[in-house]
């Protein structure tokens, strides 16, 4: 990776607390364009807290988060999504009573232009979703729901995707 360029995302000495409980203390990381970064740790180590803080769900009590050269530590999650960031939550966060296609279109809610092209890209990446596009998401297998959650992220034309527990329920 060409490290002389600025990182796509940098997190510098970020701390997060839930009330009086310190969930994250002085965490730092850098992610460069084209990189795949994996956070590994025990349950409760702060992996999900890092992802949700980067997205803007939690606000750091100290430190800074920079995305595309701009501090985002005080941004709301929806502003970060509009800037090109997407979080696929743990547990296959799909809407079970909605169809596969409707779930996917939610991923592009902030920009529905070219949604047909985006749907084709997702259906090409995950052919089973194309076969089940009119089926309700609640009737999909666990692995198919995980594909749907990742496909919904791709519909947002993201610059940066975070996936919490990406391998849950996926078949080889």
Protein backbone atom coordinates (compact mmCIF):
# COMPACT_ATOMS: atom_id res chain seq x y z
CA UNK A 1 0.00 0.00 0.00
CA UNK A 2 1.28 3.44 -0.87
CA UNK A 3 1.63 5.02 2.57
CA UNK A 4 2.80 8.44 1.38
CA UNK A 5 -0.83 9.30 0.60
CA UNK A 6 -3.18 10.44 3.35
CA UNK A 7 -5.26 7.67 4.88
CA UNK A 8 -8.90 7.35 3.87
CA UNK A 9 -9.72 7.07 7.57
CA UNK A 10 -7.64 7.74 10.64
CA UNK A 11 -8.62 7.36 14.25
CA UNK A 12 -6.21 8.99 16.71
CA UNK A 13 -6.24 8.29 20.46
CA UNK A 14 -10.02 7.87 20.54
CA UNK A 15 -11.70 7.11 23.85
CA UNK A 16 -15.38 6.30 24.30
CA UNK A 17 -17.38 5.84 27.48
CA UNK A 18 -20.88 4.56 28.13
CA UNK A 19 -21.76 6.66 31.14
CA UNK A 20 -19.11 5.84 33.75
CA UNK A 21 -17.86 2.76 31.88
CA UNK A 22 -14.80 3.21 29.65
CA UNK A 23 -15.46 1.15 26.49
CA UNK A 24 -12.46 2.30 24.45
CA UNK A 25 -9.25 3.95 25.57
CA UNK A 26 -6.82 5.75 23.24
CA UNK A 27 -7.55 3.59 20.18
CA UNK A 28 -5.79 4.52 16.95
CA UNK A 29 -5.82 3.10 13.44
CA UNK A 30 -5.34 4.11 9.84
CA UNK A 31 -7.04 2.72 6.74
CA UNK A 32 -5.75 3.54 3.27
CA UNK A 33 -7.70 3.36 0.03
CA UNK A 34 -7.83 -0.21 -1.28
CA UNK A 35 -6.87 -1.78 2.05
CA UNK A 36 -8.80 -4.42 3.93
CA UNK A 37 -8.34 -4.02 7.67
CA UNK A 38 -9.54 -6.62 10.15
CA UNK A 39 -10.11 -5.99 13.85
CA UNK A 40 -9.64 -9.15 15.87
CA UNK A 41 -10.29 -9.46 19.58
CA UNK A 42 -12.31 -11.13 22.25
CA UNK A 43 -15.97 -10.34 22.87
CA UNK A 44 -16.15 -7.03 24.70
CA UNK A 45 -12.76 -5.84 23.41
CA UNK A 46 -14.32 -2.80 21.67
CA UNK A 47 -14.49 -3.84 18.00
CA UNK A 48 -18.16 -2.90 17.56
CA UNK A 49 -17.64 0.28 19.60
CA UNK A 50 -14.85 1.32 17.21
CA UNK A 51 -17.07 0.78 14.15
CA UNK A 52 -20.08 2.53 15.66
CA UNK A 53 -17.94 5.45 16.83
CA UNK A 54 -16.35 5.87 13.39
CA UNK A 55 -19.84 5.88 11.84
CA UNK A 56 -21.03 8.53 14.31
CA UNK A 57 -23.39 6.54 16.51
CA UNK A 58 -21.20 7.30 19.54
CA UNK A 59 -19.19 10.45 20.10
CA UNK A 60 -15.62 10.09 21.34
CA UNK A 61 -14.84 11.64 24.71
CA UNK A 62 -11.33 12.35 23.40
CA UNK A 63 -9.29 11.94 20.26
CA UNK A 64 -10.15 12.58 16.65
CA UNK A 65 -11.54 10.69 13.66
CA UNK A 66 -10.64 11.93 10.17
CA UNK A 67 -12.40 10.68 7.03
CA UNK A 68 -11.43 11.94 3.58
CA UNK A 69 -9.24 14.60 5.18
CA UNK A 70 -11.93 16.10 7.43
CA UNK A 71 -12.59 15.58 11.13
CA UNK A 72 -15.86 13.70 11.60
CA UNK A 73 -15.76 13.14 15.36
CA UNK A 74 -18.83 15.33 15.86
CA UNK A 75 -20.73 14.23 12.73
CA UNK A 76 -24.00 12.35 12.93
CA UNK A 77 -24.18 8.88 11.41
CA UNK A 78 -26.46 10.03 8.58
CA UNK A 79 -23.98 12.74 7.57
CA UNK A 80 -21.17 10.17 7.46
CA UNK A 81 -23.32 7.84 5.35
CA UNK A 82 -23.98 10.67 2.88
CA UNK A 83 -20.19 11.26 2.73
CA UNK A 84 -19.65 7.64 1.64
CA UNK A 85 -19.40 5.51 4.78
CA UNK A 86 -21.54 2.44 5.51
CA UNK A 87 -21.73 0.02 8.44
CA UNK A 88 -23.12 -3.48 7.98
CA UNK A 89 -24.24 -4.27 11.53
CA UNK A 90 -23.66 -7.52 13.35
CA UNK A 91 -26.64 -9.84 13.15
CA UNK A 92 -27.66 -9.33 9.52
CA UNK A 93 -29.72 -6.17 10.09
CA UNK A 94 -32.30 -6.67 7.35
CA UNK A 95 -35.97 -5.76 7.36
CA UNK A 96 -37.66 -9.19 7.41
CA UNK A 97 -41.11 -8.13 6.15
CA UNK A 98 -39.69 -6.27 3.13
CA UNK A 99 -38.59 -7.87 -0.14
CA UNK A 100 -34.96 -8.36 -1.06
CA UNK A 101 -35.20 -5.56 -3.63
CA UNK A 102 -36.81 -3.14 -1.17
CA UNK A 103 -34.11 -3.91 1.41
CA UNK A 104 -31.45 -3.19 -1.20
CA UNK A 105 -33.08 0.07 -2.29
CA UNK A 106 -32.93 1.28 1.32
CA UNK A 107 -29.15 1.22 0.98
CA UNK A 108 -29.39 3.79 -1.81
CA UNK A 109 -32.02 5.92 -0.05
CA UNK A 110 -29.86 9.05 -0.13
CA UNK A 111 -29.25 8.75 -3.89
CA UNK A 112 -31.57 6.60 -5.99
CA UNK A 113 -29.95 7.66 -9.27
CA UNK A 114 -28.62 4.66 -11.15
CA UNK A 115 -30.35 2.29 -8.72
CA UNK A 116 -31.01 -0.17 -11.58
CA UNK A 117 -27.25 -0.32 -12.28
CA UNK A 118 -26.50 -0.71 -8.58
CA UNK A 119 -29.07 -3.52 -8.27
CA UNK A 120 -27.46 -5.30 -11.23
CA UNK A 121 -24.03 -5.04 -9.57
CA UNK A 122 -25.40 -6.55 -6.35
CA UNK A 123 -27.29 -9.30 -8.18
CA UNK A 124 -24.14 -10.09 -10.19
CA UNK A 125 -22.10 -10.31 -6.96
CA UNK A 126 -24.78 -12.33 -5.14
CA UNK A 127 -26.81 -14.23 -7.82
CA UNK A 128 -29.04 -15.91 -5.21
CA UNK A 129 -30.37 -12.46 -4.24
CA UNK A 130 -31.37 -11.86 -7.87
CA UNK A 131 -33.24 -15.16 -7.84
CA UNK A 132 -35.00 -14.17 -4.61
CA UNK A 133 -35.53 -10.45 -5.31
CA UNK A 134 -39.32 -10.59 -4.73
CA UNK A 135 -39.03 -12.80 -1.65
CA UNK A 136 -39.33 -11.29 1.83
CA UNK A 137 -36.01 -11.03 3.62
CA UNK A 138 -37.31 -12.90 6.67
CA UNK A 139 -37.62 -16.08 4.59
CA UNK A 140 -33.96 -16.06 3.51
CA UNK A 141 -31.34 -18.28 5.12
CA UNK A 142 -28.88 -16.68 7.52
CA UNK A 143 -26.14 -16.56 4.90
CA UNK A 144 -28.50 -15.05 2.34
CA UNK A 145 -29.48 -12.37 4.86
CA UNK A 146 -25.79 -11.57 5.40
CA UNK A 147 -25.36 -11.25 1.62
CA UNK A 148 -28.39 -8.95 1.57
CA UNK A 149 -26.93 -6.77 4.33
CA UNK A 150 -23.63 -6.49 2.43
CA UNK A 151 -25.51 -5.86 -0.82
CA UNK A 152 -27.46 -3.04 0.84
CA UNK A 153 -24.12 -1.45 1.78
CA UNK A 154 -22.94 -1.68 -1.83
CA UNK A 155 -26.13 0.10 -2.98
CA UNK A 156 -24.96 3.25 -1.22
CA UNK A 157 -21.92 3.52 -3.55
CA UNK A 158 -19.68 3.67 -0.49
CA UNK A 159 -16.11 4.91 -0.33
CA UNK A 160 -15.67 2.98 2.93
CA UNK A 161 -17.53 -0.11 4.20
CA UNK A 162 -17.30 -1.46 7.72
CA UNK A 163 -18.68 -4.96 8.35
CA UNK A 164 -19.26 -6.09 11.92
CA UNK A 165 -18.84 -9.89 12.20
CA UNK A 166 -18.72 -10.45 8.42
CA UNK A 167 -18.52 -14.24 8.48
CA UNK A 168 -21.62 -14.92 10.60
CA UNK A 169 -23.86 -17.34 8.73
CA UNK A 170 -21.96 -17.35 5.46
CA UNK A 171 -21.51 -20.60 3.59
CA UNK A 172 -18.06 -21.26 2.09
